């Protein structure tokens, strides 16, 4: 996966171009995952401890870039490997709560939608 979007080539300001770098996109998506977990914890959808663990793990420098690249090559999707990697970094106890039920109530466990709650 390229470290810059094609759009970045049209931007002359180096500060603005930096926004298009892959590491900044990965971090922005991790920030979204951390915010999602926080909101879900506030609504008692996931445990508060899980949200805290997800937020603690949601930092670019903790990512294994090779795993992300391999996941992207395998799926062609950017968010799926991000969720896998964030789950791994979050750890066994709380990693299964990453991106929990974010597809909506019609995708409940047992309906072929999302995974079952971690034990």
PDB file of N, CA and C in Angstrom:
ATOM      1  N   UNK A   1       0.856  -1.168   0.000  1.00  0.00           N
ATOM      2  CA  UNK A   1       0.000   0.000   0.000  1.00  0.00           C
ATOM      3  C   UNK A   1       0.899   1.227   0.000  1.00  0.00           C
ATOM      4  N   UNK A   2       0.578   2.191  -0.818  1.00  0.00           N
ATOM      5  CA  UNK A   2       1.372   3.418  -0.912  1.00  0.00           C
ATOM      6  C   UNK A   2       1.254   4.232   0.363  1.00  0.00           C
ATOM      7  N   UNK A   3       2.353   4.913   0.715  1.00  0.00           N
ATOM      8  CA  UNK A   3       2.330   5.748   1.911  1.00  0.00           C
ATOM      9  C   UNK A   3       1.628   7.078   1.691  1.00  0.00           C
ATOM     10  N   UNK A   4       1.343   7.435   0.465  1.00  0.00           N
ATOM     11  CA  UNK A   4       0.623   8.677   0.190  1.00  0.00           C
ATOM     12  C   UNK A   4      -0.506   8.411  -0.784  1.00  0.00           C
ATOM     13  N   UNK A   5      -1.588   9.107  -0.582  1.00  0.00           N
ATOM     14  CA  UNK A   5      -2.687   9.060  -1.537  1.00  0.00           C
ATOM     15  C   UNK A   5      -2.308   9.877  -2.763  1.00  0.00           C
ATOM     16  N   UNK A   6      -2.834   9.550  -3.932  1.00  0.00           N
ATOM     17  CA  UNK A   6      -2.532  10.339  -5.132  1.00  0.00           C
ATOM     18  C   UNK A   6      -2.862  11.818  -4.961  1.00  0.00           C
ATOM     19  N   UNK A   7      -3.840  12.122  -4.150  1.00  0.00           N
ATOM     20  CA  UNK A   7      -4.228  13.509  -3.904  1.00  0.00           C
ATOM     21  C   UNK A   7      -3.058  14.313  -3.345  1.00  0.00           C
ATOM     22  N   UNK A   8      -2.207  13.679  -2.547  1.00  0.00           N
ATOM     23  CA  UNK A   8      -1.088  14.382  -1.908  1.00  0.00           C
ATOM     24  C   UNK A   8      -0.147  14.997  -2.935  1.00  0.00           C
ATOM     25  N   UNK A   9      -0.028  14.378  -4.083  1.00  0.00           N
ATOM     26  CA  UNK A   9       0.865  14.908  -5.124  1.00  0.00           C
ATOM     27  C   UNK A   9       0.411  16.266  -5.625  1.00  0.00           C
ATOM     28  N   UNK A  10      -0.853  16.586  -5.454  1.00  0.00           N
ATOM     29  CA  UNK A  10      -1.386  17.866  -5.930  1.00  0.00           C
ATOM     30  C   UNK A  10      -1.302  18.963  -4.879  1.00  0.00           C
ATOM     31  N   UNK A  11      -0.801  18.638  -3.693  1.00  0.00           N
ATOM     32  CA  UNK A  11      -0.729  19.600  -2.597  1.00  0.00           C
ATOM     33  C   UNK A  11       0.719  20.001  -2.406  1.00  0.00           C
ATOM     34  N   UNK A  12       1.013  21.301  -2.488  1.00  0.00           N
ATOM     35  CA  UNK A  12       2.404  21.742  -2.394  1.00  0.00           C
ATOM     36  C   UNK A  12       2.874  21.961  -0.961  1.00  0.00           C
ATOM     37  N   UNK A  13       1.980  22.286  -0.050  1.00  0.00           N
ATOM     38  CA  UNK A  13       2.365  22.560   1.329  1.00  0.00           C
ATOM     39  C   UNK A  13       2.772  21.256   2.026  1.00  0.00           C
ATOM     40  N   UNK A  14       4.007  21.182   2.547  1.00  0.00           N
ATOM     41  CA  UNK A  14       4.456  19.938   3.170  1.00  0.00           C
ATOM     42  C   UNK A  14       3.655  19.549   4.419  1.00  0.00           C
ATOM     43  N   UNK A  15       3.176  20.520   5.159  1.00  0.00           N
ATOM     44  CA  UNK A  15       2.365  20.225   6.338  1.00  0.00           C
ATOM     45  C   UNK A  15       1.047  19.580   5.965  1.00  0.00           C
ATOM     46  N   UNK A  16       0.425  20.101   4.930  1.00  0.00           N
ATOM     47  CA  UNK A  16      -0.844  19.527   4.461  1.00  0.00           C
ATOM     48  C   UNK A  16      -0.582  18.167   3.823  1.00  0.00           C
ATOM     49  N   UNK A  17       0.509  18.044   3.058  1.00  0.00           N
ATOM     50  CA  UNK A  17       0.845  16.748   2.445  1.00  0.00           C
ATOM     51  C   UNK A  17       1.020  15.669   3.497  1.00  0.00           C
ATOM     52  N   UNK A  18       1.571  16.041   4.657  1.00  0.00           N
ATOM     53  CA  UNK A  18       1.801  15.062   5.721  1.00  0.00           C
ATOM     54  C   UNK A  18       0.492  14.422   6.192  1.00  0.00           C
ATOM     55  N   UNK A  19      -0.600  15.167   6.066  1.00  0.00           N
ATOM     56  CA  UNK A  19      -1.894  14.624   6.466  1.00  0.00           C
ATOM     57  C   UNK A  19      -2.278  13.402   5.637  1.00  0.00           C
ATOM     58  N   UNK A  20      -1.740  13.311   4.430  1.00  0.00           N
ATOM     59  CA  UNK A  20      -2.061  12.212   3.529  1.00  0.00           C
ATOM     60  C   UNK A  20      -1.169  10.988   3.739  1.00  0.00           C
ATOM     61  N   UNK A  21      -0.146  11.099   4.560  1.00  0.00           N
ATOM     62  CA  UNK A  21       0.762   9.964   4.776  1.00  0.00           C
ATOM     63  C   UNK A  21       0.008   8.812   5.435  1.00  0.00           C
ATOM     64  N   UNK A  22       0.386   7.621   5.079  1.00  0.00           N
ATOM     65  CA  UNK A  22      -0.292   6.437   5.563  1.00  0.00           C
ATOM     66  C   UNK A  22      -0.289   6.351   7.086  1.00  0.00           C
ATOM     67  N   UNK A  23       0.831   6.668   7.721  1.00  0.00           N
ATOM     68  CA  UNK A  23       0.874   6.579   9.184  1.00  0.00           C
ATOM     69  C   UNK A  23      -0.147   7.508   9.833  1.00  0.00           C
ATOM     70  N   UNK A  24      -0.391   8.668   9.219  1.00  0.00           N
ATOM     71  CA  UNK A  24      -1.388   9.592   9.759  1.00  0.00           C
ATOM     72  C   UNK A  24      -2.808   9.075   9.544  1.00  0.00           C
ATOM     73  N   UNK A  25      -3.033   8.414   8.399  1.00  0.00           N
ATOM     74  CA  UNK A  25      -4.340   7.796   8.166  1.00  0.00           C
ATOM     75  C   UNK A  25      -4.576   6.658   9.146  1.00  0.00           C
ATOM     76  N   UNK A  26      -3.555   5.806   9.359  1.00  0.00           N
ATOM     77  CA  UNK A  26      -3.703   4.707  10.319  1.00  0.00           C
ATOM     78  C   UNK A  26      -4.015   5.260  11.705  1.00  0.00           C
ATOM     79  N   UNK A  27      -3.309   6.317  12.107  1.00  0.00           N
ATOM     80  CA  UNK A  27      -3.546   6.880  13.438  1.00  0.00           C
ATOM     81  C   UNK A  27      -4.943   7.479  13.532  1.00  0.00           C
ATOM     82  N   UNK A  28      -5.386   8.161  12.488  1.00  0.00           N
ATOM     83  CA  UNK A  28      -6.734   8.734  12.501  1.00  0.00           C
ATOM     84  C   UNK A  28      -7.781   7.631  12.651  1.00  0.00           C
ATOM     85  N   UNK A  29      -7.599   6.519  11.950  1.00  0.00           N
ATOM     86  CA  UNK A  29      -8.550   5.412  12.058  1.00  0.00           C
ATOM     87  C   UNK A  29      -8.491   4.786  13.451  1.00  0.00           C
ATOM     88  N   UNK A  30      -7.299   4.714  14.019  1.00  0.00           N
ATOM     89  CA  UNK A  30      -7.181   4.204  15.393  1.00  0.00           C
ATOM     90  C   UNK A  30      -7.879   5.149  16.368  1.00  0.00           C
ATOM     91  N   UNK A  31      -7.753   6.451  16.125  1.00  0.00           N
ATOM     92  CA  UNK A  31      -8.454   7.429  16.973  1.00  0.00           C
ATOM     93  C   UNK A  31      -9.967   7.210  16.907  1.00  0.00           C
ATOM     94  N   UNK A  32     -10.466   6.904  15.714  1.00  0.00           N
ATOM     95  CA  UNK A  32     -11.894   6.629  15.545  1.00  0.00           C
ATOM     96  C   UNK A  32     -12.281   5.365  16.318  1.00  0.00           C
ATOM     97  N   UNK A  33     -11.459   4.325  16.220  1.00  0.00           N
ATOM     98  CA  UNK A  33     -11.747   3.089  16.951  1.00  0.00           C
ATOM     99  C   UNK A  33     -11.759   3.331  18.464  1.00  0.00           C
ATOM    100  N   UNK A  34     -10.824   4.140  18.959  1.00  0.00           N
ATOM    101  CA  UNK A  34     -10.786   4.463  20.389  1.00  0.00           C
ATOM    102  C   UNK A  34     -12.034   5.254  20.788  1.00  0.00           C
ATOM    103  N   UNK A  35     -12.449   6.206  19.950  1.00  0.00           N
ATOM    104  CA  UNK A  35     -13.658   6.994  20.238  1.00  0.00           C
ATOM    105  C   UNK A  35     -14.904   6.113  20.188  1.00  0.00           C
ATOM    106  N   UNK A  36     -14.947   5.184  19.233  1.00  0.00           N
ATOM    107  CA  UNK A  36     -16.067   4.251  19.144  1.00  0.00           C
ATOM    108  C   UNK A  36     -16.151   3.419  20.423  1.00  0.00           C
ATOM    109  N   UNK A  37     -15.025   2.889  20.874  1.00  0.00           N
ATOM    110  CA  UNK A  37     -15.004   2.075  22.095  1.00  0.00           C
ATOM    111  C   UNK A  37     -15.456   2.896  23.302  1.00  0.00           C
ATOM    112  N   UNK A  38     -14.994   4.143  23.392  1.00  0.00           N
ATOM    113  CA  UNK A  38     -15.392   5.001  24.512  1.00  0.00           C
ATOM    114  C   UNK A  38     -16.903   5.224  24.506  1.00  0.00           C
ATOM    115  N   UNK A  39     -17.451   5.531  23.334  1.00  0.00           N
ATOM    116  CA  UNK A  39     -18.897   5.761  23.238  1.00  0.00           C
ATOM    117  C   UNK A  39     -19.669   4.488  23.568  1.00  0.00           C
ATOM    118  N   UNK A  40     -19.185   3.356  23.090  1.00  0.00           N
ATOM    119  CA  UNK A  40     -19.862   2.095  23.378  1.00  0.00           C
ATOM    120  C   UNK A  40     -19.815   1.772  24.871  1.00  0.00           C
ATOM    121  N   UNK A  41     -18.694   2.078  25.517  1.00  0.00           N
ATOM    122  CA  UNK A  41     -18.590   1.846  26.962  1.00  0.00           C
ATOM    123  C   UNK A  41     -19.551   2.754  27.724  1.00  0.00           C
ATOM    124  N   UNK A  42     -19.662   4.002  27.295  1.00  0.00           N
ATOM    125  CA  UNK A  42     -20.593   4.932  27.948  1.00  0.00           C
ATOM    126  C   UNK A  42     -22.037   4.459  27.828  1.00  0.00           C
ATOM    127  N   UNK A  43     -22.337   3.733  26.751  1.00  0.00           N
ATOM    128  CA  UNK A  43     -23.685   3.207  26.533  1.00  0.00           C
ATOM    129  C   UNK A  43     -23.837   1.775  27.062  1.00  0.00           C
ATOM    130  N   UNK A  44     -22.809   1.289  27.757  1.00  0.00           N
ATOM    131  CA  UNK A  44     -22.795  -0.074  28.308  1.00  0.00           C
ATOM    132  C   UNK A  44     -22.933  -1.153  27.239  1.00  0.00           C
ATOM    133  N   UNK A  45     -22.388  -0.883  26.061  1.00  0.00           N
ATOM    134  CA  UNK A  45     -22.360  -1.880  24.990  1.00  0.00           C
ATOM    135  C   UNK A  45     -21.135  -2.774  25.145  1.00  0.00           C
ATOM    136  N   UNK A  46     -20.025  -2.181  25.564  1.00  0.00           N
ATOM    137  CA  UNK A  46     -18.814  -2.944  25.859  1.00  0.00           C
ATOM    138  C   UNK A  46     -18.341  -2.550  27.256  1.00  0.00           C
ATOM    139  N   UNK A  47     -17.527  -3.392  27.881  1.00  0.00           N
ATOM    140  CA  UNK A  47     -17.014  -3.041  29.217  1.00  0.00           C
ATOM    141  C   UNK A  47     -16.110  -1.808  29.184  1.00  0.00           C
ATOM    142  N   UNK A  48     -16.172  -1.019  30.234  1.00  0.00           N
ATOM    143  CA  UNK A  48     -15.327   0.174  30.323  1.00  0.00           C
ATOM    144  C   UNK A  48     -13.845  -0.199  30.306  1.00  0.00           C
ATOM    145  N   UNK A  49     -13.494  -1.326  30.904  1.00  0.00           N
ATOM    146  CA  UNK A  49     -12.099  -1.776  30.888  1.00  0.00           C
ATOM    147  C   UNK A  49     -11.637  -2.089  29.467  1.00  0.00           C
ATOM    148  N   UNK A  50     -12.534  -2.612  28.647  1.00  0.00           N
ATOM    149  CA  UNK A  50     -12.196  -2.891  27.256  1.00  0.00           C
ATOM    150  C   UNK A  50     -11.944  -1.592  26.496  1.00  0.00           C
ATOM    151  N   UNK A  51     -12.790  -0.596  26.721  1.00  0.00           N
ATOM    152  CA  UNK A  51     -12.611   0.701  26.061  1.00  0.00           C
ATOM    153  C   UNK A  51     -11.280   1.325  26.456  1.00  0.00           C
ATOM    154  N   UNK A  52     -10.933   1.225  27.733  1.00  0.00           N
ATOM    155  CA  UNK A  52      -9.654   1.779  28.192  1.00  0.00           C
ATOM    156  C   UNK A  52      -8.479   1.043  27.554  1.00  0.00           C
ATOM    157  N   UNK A  53      -8.580  -0.277  27.452  1.00  0.00           N
ATOM    158  CA  UNK A  53      -7.511  -1.064  26.834  1.00  0.00           C
ATOM    159  C   UNK A  53      -7.378  -0.735  25.350  1.00  0.00           C
ATOM    160  N   UNK A  54      -8.497  -0.552  24.670  1.00  0.00           N
ATOM    161  CA  UNK A  54      -8.475  -0.202  23.247  1.00  0.00           C
ATOM    162  C   UNK A  54      -7.831   1.166  23.059  1.00  0.00           C
ATOM    163  N   UNK A  55      -8.213   2.136  23.877  1.00  0.00           N
ATOM    164  CA  UNK A  55      -7.630   3.480  23.781  1.00  0.00           C
ATOM    165  C   UNK A  55      -6.123   3.437  24.035  1.00  0.00           C
ATOM    166  N   UNK A  56      -5.700   2.637  24.993  1.00  0.00           N
ATOM    167  CA  UNK A  56      -4.271   2.522  25.307  1.00  0.00           C
ATOM    168  C   UNK A  56      -3.494   1.897  24.148  1.00  0.00           C
ATOM    169  N   UNK A  57      -4.136   0.983  23.424  1.00  0.00           N
ATOM    170  CA  UNK A  57      -3.477   0.297  22.306  1.00  0.00           C
ATOM    171  C   UNK A  57      -3.559   1.073  20.999  1.00  0.00           C
ATOM    172  N   UNK A  58      -4.365   2.111  20.941  1.00  0.00           N
ATOM    173  CA  UNK A  58      -4.652   2.806  19.684  1.00  0.00           C
ATOM    174  C   UNK A  58      -3.587   3.843  19.325  1.00  0.00           C
ATOM    175  N   UNK A  59      -2.358   3.394  19.201  1.00  0.00           N
ATOM    176  CA  UNK A  59      -1.246   4.280  18.840  1.00  0.00           C
ATOM    177  C   UNK A  59      -0.458   3.661  17.687  1.00  0.00           C
ATOM    178  N   UNK A  60      -0.182   4.468  16.685  1.00  0.00           N
ATOM    179  CA  UNK A  60       0.475   3.994  15.468  1.00  0.00           C
ATOM    180  C   UNK A  60       1.764   3.228  15.752  1.00  0.00           C
ATOM    181  N   UNK A  61       2.557   3.722  16.695  1.00  0.00           N
ATOM    182  CA  UNK A  61       3.854   3.097  16.941  1.00  0.00           C
ATOM    183  C   UNK A  61       3.723   1.670  17.480  1.00  0.00           C
ATOM    184  N   UNK A  62       2.552   1.264  17.924  1.00  0.00           N
ATOM    185  CA  UNK A  62       2.333  -0.098  18.402  1.00  0.00           C
ATOM    186  C   UNK A  62       1.944  -1.062  17.283  1.00  0.00           C
ATOM    187  N   UNK A  63       1.637  -0.514  16.110  1.00  0.00           N
ATOM    188  CA  UNK A  63       1.238  -1.339  14.970  1.00  0.00           C
ATOM    189  C   UNK A  63       2.399  -2.142  14.411  1.00  0.00           C
ATOM    190  N   UNK A  64       2.095  -3.317  13.915  1.00  0.00           N
ATOM    191  CA  UNK A  64       3.052  -4.098  13.145  1.00  0.00           C
ATOM    192  C   UNK A  64       2.719  -3.829  11.673  1.00  0.00           C
ATOM    193  N   UNK A  65       3.518  -2.977  11.060  1.00  0.00           N
ATOM    194  CA  UNK A  65       3.241  -2.536   9.685  1.00  0.00           C
ATOM    195  C   UNK A  65       3.188  -3.712   8.710  1.00  0.00           C
ATOM    196  N   UNK A  66       4.046  -4.718   8.916  1.00  0.00           N
ATOM    197  CA  UNK A  66       4.043  -5.884   8.024  1.00  0.00           C
ATOM    198  C   UNK A  66       2.710  -6.628   8.106  1.00  0.00           C
ATOM    199  N   UNK A  67       2.145  -6.730   9.297  1.00  0.00           N
ATOM    200  CA  UNK A  67       0.840  -7.386   9.450  1.00  0.00           C
ATOM    201  C   UNK A  67      -0.259  -6.597   8.728  1.00  0.00           C
ATOM    202  N   UNK A  68      -0.201  -5.274   8.837  1.00  0.00           N
ATOM    203  CA  UNK A  68      -1.191  -4.442   8.143  1.00  0.00           C
ATOM    204  C   UNK A  68      -1.080  -4.602   6.641  1.00  0.00           C
ATOM    205  N   UNK A  69       0.149  -4.554   6.126  1.00  0.00           N
ATOM    206  CA  UNK A  69       0.359  -4.691   4.679  1.00  0.00           C
ATOM    207  C   UNK A  69      -0.114  -6.062   4.186  1.00  0.00           C
ATOM    208  N   UNK A  70       0.186  -7.107   4.969  1.00  0.00           N
ATOM    209  CA  UNK A  70      -0.234  -8.458   4.593  1.00  0.00           C
ATOM    210  C   UNK A  70      -1.760  -8.556   4.620  1.00  0.00           C
ATOM    211  N   UNK A  71      -2.376  -7.979   5.639  1.00  0.00           N
ATOM    212  CA  UNK A  71      -3.838  -7.995   5.735  1.00  0.00           C
ATOM    213  C   UNK A  71      -4.491  -7.239   4.600  1.00  0.00           C
ATOM    214  N   UNK A  72      -3.895  -6.103   4.226  1.00  0.00           N
ATOM    215  CA  UNK A  72      -4.425  -5.331   3.105  1.00  0.00           C
ATOM    216  C   UNK A  72      -4.285  -6.122   1.806  1.00  0.00           C
ATOM    217  N   UNK A  73      -3.127  -6.765   1.608  1.00  0.00           N
ATOM    218  CA  UNK A  73      -2.910  -7.557   0.388  1.00  0.00           C
ATOM    219  C   UNK A  73      -3.914  -8.712   0.313  1.00  0.00           C
ATOM    220  N   UNK A  74      -4.238  -9.288   1.455  1.00  0.00           N
ATOM    221  CA  UNK A  74      -5.147 -10.431   1.493  1.00  0.00           C
ATOM    222  C   UNK A  74      -6.602 -10.017   1.308  1.00  0.00           C
ATOM    223  N   UNK A  75      -7.003  -8.875   1.889  1.00  0.00           N
ATOM    224  CA  UNK A  75      -8.416  -8.493   1.874  1.00  0.00           C
ATOM    225  C   UNK A  75      -8.746  -7.384   0.884  1.00  0.00           C
ATOM    226  N   UNK A  76      -7.751  -6.554   0.534  1.00  0.00           N
ATOM    227  CA  UNK A  76      -8.022  -5.390  -0.307  1.00  0.00           C
ATOM    228  C   UNK A  76      -8.784  -4.310   0.449  1.00  0.00           C
ATOM    229  N   UNK A  77      -8.846  -4.441   1.744  1.00  0.00           N
ATOM    230  CA  UNK A  77      -9.605  -3.521   2.591  1.00  0.00           C
ATOM    231  C   UNK A  77      -8.672  -2.926   3.631  1.00  0.00           C
ATOM    232  N   UNK A  78      -8.797  -1.643   3.921  1.00  0.00           N
ATOM    233  CA  UNK A  78      -7.890  -1.010   4.876  1.00  0.00           C
ATOM    234  C   UNK A  78      -8.351  -1.165   6.319  1.00  0.00           C
ATOM    235  N   UNK A  79      -9.640  -1.165   6.571  1.00  0.00           N
ATOM    236  CA  UNK A  79     -10.133  -1.208   7.947  1.00  0.00           C
ATOM    237  C   UNK A  79     -10.031  -2.608   8.554  1.00  0.00           C
ATOM    238  N   UNK A  80     -10.266  -3.645   7.775  1.00  0.00           N
ATOM    239  CA  UNK A  80     -10.221  -5.012   8.304  1.00  0.00           C
ATOM    240  C   UNK A  80      -8.864  -5.322   8.940  1.00  0.00           C
ATOM    241  N   UNK A  81      -7.741  -5.117   8.245  1.00  0.00           N
ATOM    242  CA  UNK A  81      -6.467  -5.395   8.918  1.00  0.00           C
ATOM    243  C   UNK A  81      -6.198  -4.459  10.097  1.00  0.00           C
ATOM    244  N   UNK A  82      -6.714  -3.256  10.040  1.00  0.00           N
ATOM    245  CA  UNK A  82      -6.575  -2.344  11.172  1.00  0.00           C
ATOM    246  C   UNK A  82      -7.277  -2.915  12.404  1.00  0.00           C
ATOM    247  N   UNK A  83      -8.490  -3.424  12.231  1.00  0.00           N
ATOM    248  CA  UNK A  83      -9.237  -4.012  13.343  1.00  0.00           C
ATOM    249  C   UNK A  83      -8.509  -5.250  13.861  1.00  0.00           C
ATOM    250  N   UNK A  84      -8.020  -6.091  12.955  1.00  0.00           N
ATOM    251  CA  UNK A  84      -7.268  -7.278  13.373  1.00  0.00           C
ATOM    252  C   UNK A  84      -6.053  -6.882  14.204  1.00  0.00           C
ATOM    253  N   UNK A  85      -5.305  -5.911  13.704  1.00  0.00           N
ATOM    254  CA  UNK A  85      -4.064  -5.519  14.385  1.00  0.00           C
ATOM    255  C   UNK A  85      -4.360  -4.808  15.707  1.00  0.00           C
ATOM    256  N   UNK A  86      -5.361  -3.949  15.726  1.00  0.00           N
ATOM    257  CA  UNK A  86      -5.715  -3.283  16.971  1.00  0.00           C
ATOM    258  C   UNK A  86      -6.198  -4.311  17.996  1.00  0.00           C
ATOM    259  N   UNK A  87      -6.936  -5.304  17.553  1.00  0.00           N
ATOM    260  CA  UNK A  87      -7.371  -6.381  18.445  1.00  0.00           C
ATOM    261  C   UNK A  87      -6.175  -7.122  19.019  1.00  0.00           C
ATOM    262  N   UNK A  88      -5.190  -7.421  18.179  1.00  0.00           N
ATOM    263  CA  UNK A  88      -3.992  -8.129  18.633  1.00  0.00           C
ATOM    264  C   UNK A  88      -3.236  -7.306  19.668  1.00  0.00           C
ATOM    265  N   UNK A  89      -3.040  -6.009  19.376  1.00  0.00           N
ATOM    266  CA  UNK A  89      -2.283  -5.140  20.274  1.00  0.00           C
ATOM    267  C   UNK A  89      -3.056  -4.909  21.583  1.00  0.00           C
ATOM    268  N   UNK A  90      -4.363  -4.847  21.506  1.00  0.00           N
ATOM    269  CA  UNK A  90      -5.181  -4.649  22.701  1.00  0.00           C
ATOM    270  C   UNK A  90      -5.038  -5.845  23.647  1.00  0.00           C
ATOM    271  N   UNK A  91      -4.872  -7.021  23.102  1.00  0.00           N
ATOM    272  CA  UNK A  91      -4.640  -8.209  23.924  1.00  0.00           C
ATOM    273  C   UNK A  91      -5.843  -9.122  24.021  1.00  0.00           C
ATOM    274  N   UNK A  92      -5.577 -10.338  24.491  1.00  0.00           N
ATOM    275  CA  UNK A  92      -6.619 -11.369  24.544  1.00  0.00           C
ATOM    276  C   UNK A  92      -7.819 -10.981  25.393  1.00  0.00           C
ATOM    277  N   UNK A  93      -7.569 -10.363  26.525  1.00  0.00           N
ATOM    278  CA  UNK A  93      -8.671 -10.074  27.444  1.00  0.00           C
ATOM    279  C   UNK A  93      -9.705  -9.120  26.846  1.00  0.00           C
ATOM    280  N   UNK A  94      -9.239  -8.099  26.110  1.00  0.00           N
ATOM    281  CA  UNK A  94     -10.165  -7.071  25.611  1.00  0.00           C
ATOM    282  C   UNK A  94     -10.156  -6.902  24.089  1.00  0.00           C
ATOM    283  N   UNK A  95      -9.253  -7.558  23.392  1.00  0.00           N
ATOM    284  CA  UNK A  95      -9.134  -7.362  21.949  1.00  0.00           C
ATOM    285  C   UNK A  95     -10.369  -7.712  21.142  1.00  0.00           C
ATOM    286  N   UNK A  96     -11.161  -8.650  21.635  1.00  0.00           N
ATOM    287  CA  UNK A  96     -12.381  -9.035  20.922  1.00  0.00           C
ATOM    288  C   UNK A  96     -13.459  -7.963  20.901  1.00  0.00           C
ATOM    289  N   UNK A  97     -13.286  -6.926  21.704  1.00  0.00           N
ATOM    290  CA  UNK A  97     -14.261  -5.840  21.747  1.00  0.00           C
ATOM    291  C   UNK A  97     -13.987  -4.750  20.711  1.00  0.00           C
ATOM    292  N   UNK A  98     -12.856  -4.803  20.028  1.00  0.00           N
ATOM    293  CA  UNK A  98     -12.520  -3.788  19.020  1.00  0.00           C
ATOM    294  C   UNK A  98     -13.550  -3.828  17.889  1.00  0.00           C
ATOM    295  N   UNK A  99     -14.084  -2.667  17.538  1.00  0.00           N
ATOM    296  CA  UNK A  99     -15.047  -2.506  16.433  1.00  0.00           C
ATOM    297  C   UNK A  99     -16.336  -3.283  16.714  1.00  0.00           C
ATOM    298  N   UNK A 100     -16.665  -3.456  17.989  1.00  0.00           N
ATOM    299  CA  UNK A 100     -17.797  -4.271  18.412  1.00  0.00           C
ATOM    300  C   UNK A 100     -19.120  -3.693  17.952  1.00  0.00           C
ATOM    301  N   UNK A 101     -19.919  -4.498  17.283  1.00  0.00           N
ATOM    302  CA  UNK A 101     -21.286  -4.137  16.895  1.00  0.00           C
ATOM    303  C   UNK A 101     -21.393  -2.800  16.170  1.00  0.00           C
ATOM    304  N   UNK A 102     -20.333  -2.371  15.513  1.00  0.00           N
ATOM    305  CA  UNK A 102     -20.390  -1.064  14.862  1.00  0.00           C
ATOM    306  C   UNK A 102     -21.146  -1.101  13.545  1.00  0.00           C
ATOM    307  N   UNK A 103     -21.571  -2.275  13.126  1.00  0.00           N
ATOM    308  CA  UNK A 103     -22.341  -2.375  11.888  1.00  0.00           C
ATOM    309  C   UNK A 103     -23.828  -2.203  12.119  1.00  0.00           C
ATOM    310  N   UNK A 104     -24.239  -2.108  13.366  1.00  0.00           N
ATOM    311  CA  UNK A 104     -25.648  -1.890  13.658  1.00  0.00           C
ATOM    312  C   UNK A 104     -26.313  -3.120  14.229  1.00  0.00           C
ATOM    313  N   UNK A 105     -27.502  -2.941  14.789  1.00  0.00           N
ATOM    314  CA  UNK A 105     -28.183  -4.018  15.505  1.00  0.00           C
ATOM    315  C   UNK A 105     -28.609  -5.180  14.629  1.00  0.00           C
ATOM    316  N   UNK A 106     -28.681  -5.015  13.321  1.00  0.00           N
ATOM    317  CA  UNK A 106     -29.107  -6.115  12.460  1.00  0.00           C
ATOM    318  C   UNK A 106     -27.997  -7.139  12.260  1.00  0.00           C
ATOM    319  N   UNK A 107     -26.819  -6.861  12.760  1.00  0.00           N
ATOM    320  CA  UNK A 107     -25.670  -7.746  12.575  1.00  0.00           C
ATOM    321  C   UNK A 107     -25.293  -8.425  13.897  1.00  0.00           C
ATOM    322  N   UNK A 108     -26.239  -8.892  14.657  1.00  0.00           N
ATOM    323  CA  UNK A 108     -26.004  -9.510  15.959  1.00  0.00           C
ATOM    324  C   UNK A 108     -25.299 -10.858  15.831  1.00  0.00           C
ATOM    325  N   UNK A 109     -24.597 -11.243  16.883  1.00  0.00           N
ATOM    326  CA  UNK A 109     -23.962 -12.557  16.933  1.00  0.00           C
ATOM    327  C   UNK A 109     -25.019 -13.629  16.703  1.00  0.00           C
ATOM    328  N   UNK A 110     -24.660 -14.637  15.949  1.00  0.00           N
ATOM    329  CA  UNK A 110     -25.593 -15.703  15.643  1.00  0.00           C
ATOM    330  C   UNK A 110     -26.344 -15.453  14.353  1.00  0.00           C
ATOM    331  N   UNK A 111     -26.313 -14.229  13.850  1.00  0.00           N
ATOM    332  CA  UNK A 111     -27.005 -13.936  12.602  1.00  0.00           C
ATOM    333  C   UNK A 111     -26.033 -13.909  11.432  1.00  0.00           C
ATOM    334  N   UNK A 112     -24.797 -14.344  11.689  1.00  0.00           N
ATOM    335  CA  UNK A 112     -23.799 -14.335  10.631  1.00  0.00           C
ATOM    336  C   UNK A 112     -23.096 -13.005  10.520  1.00  0.00           C
ATOM    337  N   UNK A 113     -23.372 -12.067  11.432  1.00  0.00           N
ATOM    338  CA  UNK A 113     -22.818 -10.742  11.338  1.00  0.00           C
ATOM    339  C   UNK A 113     -21.510 -10.556  12.076  1.00  0.00           C
ATOM    340  N   UNK A 114     -21.561 -10.479  13.361  1.00  0.00           N
ATOM    341  CA  UNK A 114     -20.383 -10.148  14.140  1.00  0.00           C
ATOM    342  C   UNK A 114     -19.999 -11.306  15.033  1.00  0.00           C
ATOM    343  N   UNK A 115     -18.829 -11.219  15.616  1.00  0.00           N
ATOM    344  CA  UNK A 115     -18.342 -12.307  16.471  1.00  0.00           C
ATOM    345  C   UNK A 115     -19.042 -12.293  17.831  1.00  0.00           C
ATOM    346  N   UNK A 116     -18.998 -13.414  18.493  1.00  0.00           N
ATOM    347  CA  UNK A 116     -19.591 -13.514  19.829  1.00  0.00           C
ATOM    348  C   UNK A 116     -18.725 -12.787  20.831  1.00  0.00           C
ATOM    349  N   UNK A 117     -19.320 -12.403  21.951  1.00  0.00           N
ATOM    350  CA  UNK A 117     -18.596 -11.686  22.990  1.00  0.00           C
ATOM    351  C   UNK A 117     -17.445 -12.529  23.508  1.00  0.00           C
ATOM    352  N   UNK A 118     -16.291 -11.900  23.719  1.00  0.00           N
ATOM    353  CA  UNK A 118     -15.167 -12.637  24.269  1.00  0.00           C
ATOM    354  C   UNK A 118     -15.474 -13.090  25.688  1.00  0.00           C
ATOM    355  N   UNK A 119     -14.885 -14.223  26.066  1.00  0.00           N
ATOM    356  CA  UNK A 119     -15.100 -14.754  27.431  1.00  0.00           C
ATOM    357  C   UNK A 119     -14.028 -14.271  28.350  1.00  0.00           C
TER     358      UNK A 119
END
